[in-house]
């Protein structure tokens, strides 16, 4: 049941990612990362992190950079076994 809610939330946030640039879009982009992470969709996590990292002024730039570095350093995401 929680996975279905996460999947639904991911779909909603992905629709917001296509909205006008701004705060809500940035929040949606980060929440897409979190949803992919919770669903163990590692390739999608990496893609979305790259989207955020290319935007140095993004409100979640630091978090995305940190998570991306951890991913590349350990070759896996926190809490996800290979």
PDB file of N, CA and C in Angstrom:
ATOM      1  N   UNK A   1       0.822  -1.190   0.000  1.00  0.00           N
ATOM      2  CA  UNK A   1       0.000   0.000   0.000  1.00  0.00           C
ATOM      3  C   UNK A   1       0.871   1.260   0.000  1.00  0.00           C
ATOM      4  N   UNK A   2       1.919   1.260   0.822  1.00  0.00           N
ATOM      5  CA  UNK A   2       2.809   2.426   0.860  1.00  0.00           C
ATOM      6  C   UNK A   2       3.494   2.616  -0.486  1.00  0.00           C
ATOM      7  N   UNK A   3       3.836   1.513  -1.143  1.00  0.00           N
ATOM      8  CA  UNK A   3       4.483   1.614  -2.453  1.00  0.00           C
ATOM      9  C   UNK A   3       3.538   2.252  -3.464  1.00  0.00           C
ATOM     10  N   UNK A   4       2.250   1.925  -3.398  1.00  0.00           N
ATOM     11  CA  UNK A   4       1.277   2.536  -4.306  1.00  0.00           C
ATOM     12  C   UNK A   4       1.174   4.037  -4.068  1.00  0.00           C
ATOM     13  N   UNK A   5       1.225   4.449  -2.801  1.00  0.00           N
ATOM     14  CA  UNK A   5       1.168   5.876  -2.483  1.00  0.00           C
ATOM     15  C   UNK A   5       2.429   6.592  -2.966  1.00  0.00           C
ATOM     16  N   UNK A   6       3.559   5.921  -2.824  1.00  0.00           N
ATOM     17  CA  UNK A   6       4.809   6.505  -3.298  1.00  0.00           C
ATOM     18  C   UNK A   6       4.782   6.644  -4.814  1.00  0.00           C
ATOM     19  N   UNK A   7       4.288   5.630  -5.491  1.00  0.00           N
ATOM     20  CA  UNK A   7       4.190   5.669  -6.952  1.00  0.00           C
ATOM     21  C   UNK A   7       3.271   6.812  -7.385  1.00  0.00           C
ATOM     22  N   UNK A   8       2.145   6.957  -6.719  1.00  0.00           N
ATOM     23  CA  UNK A   8       1.193   8.027  -7.042  1.00  0.00           C
ATOM     24  C   UNK A   8       1.818   9.397  -6.774  1.00  0.00           C
ATOM     25  N   UNK A   9       2.497   9.529  -5.654  1.00  0.00           N
ATOM     26  CA  UNK A   9       3.159  10.794  -5.331  1.00  0.00           C
ATOM     27  C   UNK A   9       4.205  11.123  -6.389  1.00  0.00           C
ATOM     28  N   UNK A  10       4.959  10.112  -6.822  1.00  0.00           N
ATOM     29  CA  UNK A  10       5.971  10.328  -7.848  1.00  0.00           C
ATOM     30  C   UNK A  10       5.330  10.861  -9.123  1.00  0.00           C
ATOM     31  N   UNK A  11       4.200  10.305  -9.514  1.00  0.00           N
ATOM     32  CA  UNK A  11       3.505  10.760 -10.724  1.00  0.00           C
ATOM     33  C   UNK A  11       3.058  12.218 -10.594  1.00  0.00           C
ATOM     34  N   UNK A  12       2.549  12.572  -9.428  1.00  0.00           N
ATOM     35  CA  UNK A  12       2.101  13.953  -9.198  1.00  0.00           C
ATOM     36  C   UNK A  12       3.295  14.906  -9.257  1.00  0.00           C
ATOM     37  N   UNK A  13       4.375  14.553  -8.567  1.00  0.00           N
ATOM     38  CA  UNK A  13       5.552  15.423  -8.578  1.00  0.00           C
ATOM     39  C   UNK A  13       6.156  15.526  -9.976  1.00  0.00           C
ATOM     40  N   UNK A  14       6.155  14.429 -10.733  1.00  0.00           N
ATOM     41  CA  UNK A  14       6.688  14.484 -12.098  1.00  0.00           C
ATOM     42  C   UNK A  14       5.876  15.445 -12.963  1.00  0.00           C
ATOM     43  N   UNK A  15       4.570  15.514 -12.746  1.00  0.00           N
ATOM     44  CA  UNK A  15       3.755  16.459 -13.520  1.00  0.00           C
ATOM     45  C   UNK A  15       4.119  17.902 -13.156  1.00  0.00           C
ATOM     46  N   UNK A  16       4.485  18.138 -11.901  1.00  0.00           N
ATOM     47  CA  UNK A  16       4.888  19.477 -11.471  1.00  0.00           C
ATOM     48  C   UNK A  16       6.278  19.865 -11.989  1.00  0.00           C
ATOM     49  N   UNK A  17       7.108  18.864 -12.264  1.00  0.00           N
ATOM     50  CA  UNK A  17       8.443  19.124 -12.798  1.00  0.00           C
ATOM     51  C   UNK A  17       8.346  19.839 -14.141  1.00  0.00           C
ATOM     52  N   UNK A  18       7.264  19.620 -14.856  1.00  0.00           N
ATOM     53  CA  UNK A  18       7.067  20.248 -16.154  1.00  0.00           C
ATOM     54  C   UNK A  18       6.432  21.636 -16.055  1.00  0.00           C
ATOM     55  N   UNK A  19       6.249  22.124 -14.844  1.00  0.00           N
ATOM     56  CA  UNK A  19       5.637  23.442 -14.663  1.00  0.00           C
ATOM     57  C   UNK A  19       6.676  24.540 -14.868  1.00  0.00           C
ATOM     58  N   UNK A  20       6.235  25.762 -14.683  1.00  0.00           N
ATOM     59  CA  UNK A  20       7.122  26.923 -14.822  1.00  0.00           C
ATOM     60  C   UNK A  20       8.267  26.818 -13.810  1.00  0.00           C
ATOM     61  N   UNK A  21       9.459  27.268 -14.197  1.00  0.00           N
ATOM     62  CA  UNK A  21      10.583  27.260 -13.246  1.00  0.00           C
ATOM     63  C   UNK A  21      10.237  28.058 -11.994  1.00  0.00           C
ATOM     64  N   UNK A  22      10.717  27.591 -10.874  1.00  0.00           N
ATOM     65  CA  UNK A  22      10.480  28.276  -9.615  1.00  0.00           C
ATOM     66  C   UNK A  22      10.527  27.315  -8.444  1.00  0.00           C
ATOM     67  N   UNK A  23      10.118  27.799  -7.308  1.00  0.00           N
ATOM     68  CA  UNK A  23      10.203  27.044  -6.067  1.00  0.00           C
ATOM     69  C   UNK A  23       9.438  25.724  -6.122  1.00  0.00           C
ATOM     70  N   UNK A  24       8.192  25.750  -6.601  1.00  0.00           N
ATOM     71  CA  UNK A  24       7.392  24.522  -6.627  1.00  0.00           C
ATOM     72  C   UNK A  24       8.018  23.473  -7.531  1.00  0.00           C
ATOM     73  N   UNK A  25       8.574  23.912  -8.630  1.00  0.00           N
ATOM     74  CA  UNK A  25       9.231  22.980  -9.547  1.00  0.00           C
ATOM     75  C   UNK A  25      10.447  22.342  -8.875  1.00  0.00           C
ATOM     76  N   UNK A  26      11.239  23.133  -8.186  1.00  0.00           N
ATOM     77  CA  UNK A  26      12.423  22.608  -7.515  1.00  0.00           C
ATOM     78  C   UNK A  26      12.048  21.629  -6.401  1.00  0.00           C
ATOM     79  N   UNK A  27      11.010  21.946  -5.667  1.00  0.00           N
ATOM     80  CA  UNK A  27      10.533  21.029  -4.622  1.00  0.00           C
ATOM     81  C   UNK A  27      10.061  19.730  -5.263  1.00  0.00           C
ATOM     82  N   UNK A  28       9.349  19.840  -6.371  1.00  0.00           N
ATOM     83  CA  UNK A  28       8.869  18.648  -7.082  1.00  0.00           C
ATOM     84  C   UNK A  28      10.039  17.809  -7.590  1.00  0.00           C
ATOM     85  N   UNK A  29      11.070  18.459  -8.135  1.00  0.00           N
ATOM     86  CA  UNK A  29      12.237  17.726  -8.633  1.00  0.00           C
ATOM     87  C   UNK A  29      12.902  16.922  -7.522  1.00  0.00           C
ATOM     88  N   UNK A  30      13.036  17.519  -6.350  1.00  0.00           N
ATOM     89  CA  UNK A  30      13.653  16.814  -5.227  1.00  0.00           C
ATOM     90  C   UNK A  30      12.755  15.669  -4.742  1.00  0.00           C
ATOM     91  N   UNK A  31      11.462  15.903  -4.702  1.00  0.00           N
ATOM     92  CA  UNK A  31      10.556  14.847  -4.259  1.00  0.00           C
ATOM     93  C   UNK A  31      10.503  13.685  -5.244  1.00  0.00           C
ATOM     94  N   UNK A  32      10.745  13.945  -6.511  1.00  0.00           N
ATOM     95  CA  UNK A  32      10.862  12.854  -7.487  1.00  0.00           C
ATOM     96  C   UNK A  32      12.084  12.001  -7.138  1.00  0.00           C
ATOM     97  N   UNK A  33      13.187  12.641  -6.767  1.00  0.00           N
ATOM     98  CA  UNK A  33      14.380  11.899  -6.332  1.00  0.00           C
ATOM     99  C   UNK A  33      14.026  10.995  -5.157  1.00  0.00           C
ATOM    100  N   UNK A  34      13.354  11.563  -4.161  1.00  0.00           N
ATOM    101  CA  UNK A  34      13.011  10.791  -2.964  1.00  0.00           C
ATOM    102  C   UNK A  34      12.084   9.622  -3.281  1.00  0.00           C
ATOM    103  N   UNK A  35      11.131   9.845  -4.175  1.00  0.00           N
ATOM    104  CA  UNK A  35      10.218   8.764  -4.562  1.00  0.00           C
ATOM    105  C   UNK A  35      10.974   7.655  -5.294  1.00  0.00           C
ATOM    106  N   UNK A  36      11.843   8.037  -6.237  1.00  0.00           N
ATOM    107  CA  UNK A  36      12.652   7.023  -6.931  1.00  0.00           C
ATOM    108  C   UNK A  36      13.509   6.254  -5.932  1.00  0.00           C
ATOM    109  N   UNK A  37      14.066   6.962  -4.971  1.00  0.00           N
ATOM    110  CA  UNK A  37      14.899   6.329  -3.959  1.00  0.00           C
ATOM    111  C   UNK A  37      14.097   5.315  -3.150  1.00  0.00           C
ATOM    112  N   UNK A  38      12.925   5.724  -2.717  1.00  0.00           N
ATOM    113  CA  UNK A  38      12.072   4.823  -1.921  1.00  0.00           C
ATOM    114  C   UNK A  38      11.646   3.596  -2.725  1.00  0.00           C
ATOM    115  N   UNK A  39      11.473   3.761  -4.035  1.00  0.00           N
ATOM    116  CA  UNK A  39      11.052   2.656  -4.905  1.00  0.00           C
ATOM    117  C   UNK A  39      12.238   1.855  -5.459  1.00  0.00           C
ATOM    118  N   UNK A  40      13.442   2.170  -4.979  1.00  0.00           N
ATOM    119  CA  UNK A  40      14.668   1.481  -5.412  1.00  0.00           C
ATOM    120  C   UNK A  40      14.931   1.604  -6.908  1.00  0.00           C
ATOM    121  N   UNK A  41      14.571   2.724  -7.490  1.00  0.00           N
ATOM    122  CA  UNK A  41      14.777   2.976  -8.917  1.00  0.00           C
ATOM    123  C   UNK A  41      16.075   3.761  -9.088  1.00  0.00           C
ATOM    124  N   UNK A  42      17.200   3.059  -8.911  1.00  0.00           N
ATOM    125  CA  UNK A  42      18.498   3.717  -8.834  1.00  0.00           C
ATOM    126  C   UNK A  42      18.873   4.477 -10.103  1.00  0.00           C
ATOM    127  N   UNK A  43      18.599   3.941 -11.272  1.00  0.00           N
ATOM    128  CA  UNK A  43      18.935   4.645 -12.517  1.00  0.00           C
ATOM    129  C   UNK A  43      18.167   5.959 -12.606  1.00  0.00           C
ATOM    130  N   UNK A  44      16.908   5.942 -12.198  1.00  0.00           N
ATOM    131  CA  UNK A  44      16.091   7.157 -12.227  1.00  0.00           C
ATOM    132  C   UNK A  44      16.541   8.164 -11.169  1.00  0.00           C
ATOM    133  N   UNK A  45      17.010   7.668 -10.021  1.00  0.00           N
ATOM    134  CA  UNK A  45      17.538   8.562  -8.993  1.00  0.00           C
ATOM    135  C   UNK A  45      18.723   9.332  -9.572  1.00  0.00           C
ATOM    136  N   UNK A  46      19.637   8.614 -10.209  1.00  0.00           N
ATOM    137  CA  UNK A  46      20.831   9.236 -10.780  1.00  0.00           C
ATOM    138  C   UNK A  46      20.465  10.283 -11.829  1.00  0.00           C
ATOM    139  N   UNK A  47      19.530   9.954 -12.699  1.00  0.00           N
ATOM    140  CA  UNK A  47      19.107  10.905 -13.742  1.00  0.00           C
ATOM    141  C   UNK A  47      18.537  12.179 -13.127  1.00  0.00           C
ATOM    142  N   UNK A  48      17.668  12.027 -12.131  1.00  0.00           N
ATOM    143  CA  UNK A  48      17.040  13.196 -11.520  1.00  0.00           C
ATOM    144  C   UNK A  48      18.045  14.005 -10.705  1.00  0.00           C
ATOM    145  N   UNK A  49      18.988  13.325 -10.053  1.00  0.00           N
ATOM    146  CA  UNK A  49      20.036  14.054  -9.340  1.00  0.00           C
ATOM    147  C   UNK A  49      20.856  14.895 -10.317  1.00  0.00           C
ATOM    148  N   UNK A  50      21.155  14.338 -11.484  1.00  0.00           N
ATOM    149  CA  UNK A  50      21.911  15.075 -12.495  1.00  0.00           C
ATOM    150  C   UNK A  50      21.157  16.325 -12.948  1.00  0.00           C
ATOM    151  N   UNK A  51      19.826  16.217 -13.054  1.00  0.00           N
ATOM    152  CA  UNK A  51      19.007  17.379 -13.430  1.00  0.00           C
ATOM    153  C   UNK A  51      19.173  18.490 -12.396  1.00  0.00           C
ATOM    154  N   UNK A  52      19.132  18.117 -11.135  1.00  0.00           N
ATOM    155  CA  UNK A  52      19.238  19.110 -10.064  1.00  0.00           C
ATOM    156  C   UNK A  52      20.651  19.689  -9.989  1.00  0.00           C
ATOM    157  N   UNK A  53      21.648  18.845 -10.106  1.00  0.00           N
ATOM    158  CA  UNK A  53      23.040  19.289  -9.971  1.00  0.00           C
ATOM    159  C   UNK A  53      23.429  20.263 -11.079  1.00  0.00           C
ATOM    160  N   UNK A  54      22.803  20.173 -12.220  1.00  0.00           N
ATOM    161  CA  UNK A  54      23.097  21.118 -13.312  1.00  0.00           C
ATOM    162  C   UNK A  54      22.549  22.513 -13.015  1.00  0.00           C
ATOM    163  N   UNK A  55      21.765  22.657 -11.955  1.00  0.00           N
ATOM    164  CA  UNK A  55      21.178  23.940 -11.574  1.00  0.00           C
ATOM    165  C   UNK A  55      21.794  24.396 -10.247  1.00  0.00           C
ATOM    166  N   UNK A  56      22.896  25.101 -10.315  1.00  0.00           N
ATOM    167  CA  UNK A  56      23.641  25.480  -9.110  1.00  0.00           C
ATOM    168  C   UNK A  56      22.818  26.306  -8.120  1.00  0.00           C
ATOM    169  N   UNK A  57      21.785  26.983  -8.585  1.00  0.00           N
ATOM    170  CA  UNK A  57      20.945  27.791  -7.706  1.00  0.00           C
ATOM    171  C   UNK A  57      19.738  27.010  -7.166  1.00  0.00           C
ATOM    172  N   UNK A  58      19.655  25.737  -7.484  1.00  0.00           N
ATOM    173  CA  UNK A  58      18.538  24.892  -7.042  1.00  0.00           C
ATOM    174  C   UNK A  58      18.544  24.824  -5.518  1.00  0.00           C
ATOM    175  N   UNK A  59      17.366  24.890  -4.908  1.00  0.00           N
ATOM    176  CA  UNK A  59      17.303  24.884  -3.433  1.00  0.00           C
ATOM    177  C   UNK A  59      17.801  23.562  -2.837  1.00  0.00           C
ATOM    178  N   UNK A  60      17.806  22.491  -3.618  1.00  0.00           N
ATOM    179  CA  UNK A  60      18.284  21.195  -3.136  1.00  0.00           C
ATOM    180  C   UNK A  60      19.615  20.810  -3.774  1.00  0.00           C
ATOM    181  N   UNK A  61      20.353  21.801  -4.276  1.00  0.00           N
ATOM    182  CA  UNK A  61      21.639  21.534  -4.921  1.00  0.00           C
ATOM    183  C   UNK A  61      22.595  20.806  -3.973  1.00  0.00           C
ATOM    184  N   UNK A  62      22.744  21.306  -2.751  1.00  0.00           N
ATOM    185  CA  UNK A  62      23.665  20.686  -1.788  1.00  0.00           C
ATOM    186  C   UNK A  62      23.274  19.243  -1.485  1.00  0.00           C
ATOM    187  N   UNK A  63      21.996  19.021  -1.232  1.00  0.00           N
ATOM    188  CA  UNK A  63      21.522  17.679  -0.915  1.00  0.00           C
ATOM    189  C   UNK A  63      21.732  16.732  -2.098  1.00  0.00           C
ATOM    190  N   UNK A  64      21.431  17.223  -3.297  1.00  0.00           N
ATOM    191  CA  UNK A  64      21.585  16.398  -4.495  1.00  0.00           C
ATOM    192  C   UNK A  64      23.055  16.079  -4.743  1.00  0.00           C
ATOM    193  N   UNK A  65      23.912  17.059  -4.551  1.00  0.00           N
ATOM    194  CA  UNK A  65      25.345  16.835  -4.737  1.00  0.00           C
ATOM    195  C   UNK A  65      25.866  15.811  -3.738  1.00  0.00           C
ATOM    196  N   UNK A  66      25.465  15.958  -2.499  1.00  0.00           N
ATOM    197  CA  UNK A  66      25.894  15.028  -1.455  1.00  0.00           C
ATOM    198  C   UNK A  66      25.420  13.608  -1.745  1.00  0.00           C
ATOM    199  N   UNK A  67      24.161  13.458  -2.094  1.00  0.00           N
ATOM    200  CA  UNK A  67      23.613  12.139  -2.397  1.00  0.00           C
ATOM    201  C   UNK A  67      24.282  11.548  -3.632  1.00  0.00           C
ATOM    202  N   UNK A  68      24.523  12.368  -4.626  1.00  0.00           N
ATOM    203  CA  UNK A  68      25.182  11.911  -5.847  1.00  0.00           C
ATOM    204  C   UNK A  68      26.608  11.444  -5.556  1.00  0.00           C
ATOM    205  N   UNK A  69      27.327  12.198  -4.738  1.00  0.00           N
ATOM    206  CA  UNK A  69      28.691  11.813  -4.379  1.00  0.00           C
ATOM    207  C   UNK A  69      28.699  10.493  -3.624  1.00  0.00           C
ATOM    208  N   UNK A  70      27.747  10.320  -2.727  1.00  0.00           N
ATOM    209  CA  UNK A  70      27.656   9.064  -1.986  1.00  0.00           C
ATOM    210  C   UNK A  70      27.352   7.910  -2.939  1.00  0.00           C
ATOM    211  N   UNK A  71      26.478   8.150  -3.875  1.00  0.00           N
ATOM    212  CA  UNK A  71      26.121   7.136  -4.863  1.00  0.00           C
ATOM    213  C   UNK A  71      27.338   6.737  -5.689  1.00  0.00           C
ATOM    214  N   UNK A  72      28.070   7.719  -6.198  1.00  0.00           N
ATOM    215  CA  UNK A  72      29.229   7.414  -7.032  1.00  0.00           C
ATOM    216  C   UNK A  72      30.367   6.810  -6.219  1.00  0.00           C
ATOM    217  N   UNK A  73      30.520   7.253  -4.985  1.00  0.00           N
ATOM    218  CA  UNK A  73      31.610   6.754  -4.147  1.00  0.00           C
ATOM    219  C   UNK A  73      31.381   5.304  -3.739  1.00  0.00           C
ATOM    220  N   UNK A  74      30.152   4.970  -3.394  1.00  0.00           N
ATOM    221  CA  UNK A  74      29.865   3.614  -2.911  1.00  0.00           C
ATOM    222  C   UNK A  74      29.280   2.722  -3.986  1.00  0.00           C
ATOM    223  N   UNK A  75      28.965   3.291  -5.144  1.00  0.00           N
ATOM    224  CA  UNK A  75      28.362   2.562  -6.270  1.00  0.00           C
ATOM    225  C   UNK A  75      26.965   2.041  -5.947  1.00  0.00           C
ATOM    226  N   UNK A  76      26.360   2.596  -4.900  1.00  0.00           N
ATOM    227  CA  UNK A  76      24.969   2.268  -4.571  1.00  0.00           C
ATOM    228  C   UNK A  76      24.382   3.397  -3.755  1.00  0.00           C
ATOM    229  N   UNK A  77      23.101   3.431  -3.664  1.00  0.00           N
ATOM    230  CA  UNK A  77      22.437   4.470  -2.881  1.00  0.00           C
ATOM    231  C   UNK A  77      22.246   3.983  -1.452  1.00  0.00           C
ATOM    232  N   UNK A  78      22.177   4.915  -0.534  1.00  0.00           N
ATOM    233  CA  UNK A  78      21.995   4.542   0.876  1.00  0.00           C
ATOM    234  C   UNK A  78      20.728   3.701   1.057  1.00  0.00           C
ATOM    235  N   UNK A  79      20.886   2.604   1.767  1.00  0.00           N
ATOM    236  CA  UNK A  79      19.732   1.769   2.073  1.00  0.00           C
ATOM    237  C   UNK A  79      19.307   0.849   0.935  1.00  0.00           C
ATOM    238  N   UNK A  80      20.063   0.849  -0.155  1.00  0.00           N
ATOM    239  CA  UNK A  80      19.703  -0.002  -1.296  1.00  0.00           C
ATOM    240  C   UNK A  80      20.862  -0.936  -1.570  1.00  0.00           C
ATOM    241  N   UNK A  81      20.604  -2.219  -1.476  1.00  0.00           N
ATOM    242  CA  UNK A  81      21.659  -3.177  -1.781  1.00  0.00           C
ATOM    243  C   UNK A  81      21.660  -3.486  -3.263  1.00  0.00           C
ATOM    244  N   UNK A  82      22.823  -3.783  -3.760  1.00  0.00           N
ATOM    245  CA  UNK A  82      22.983  -4.045  -5.183  1.00  0.00           C
ATOM    246  C   UNK A  82      22.473  -5.408  -5.565  1.00  0.00           C
TER     247      UNK A  82
END
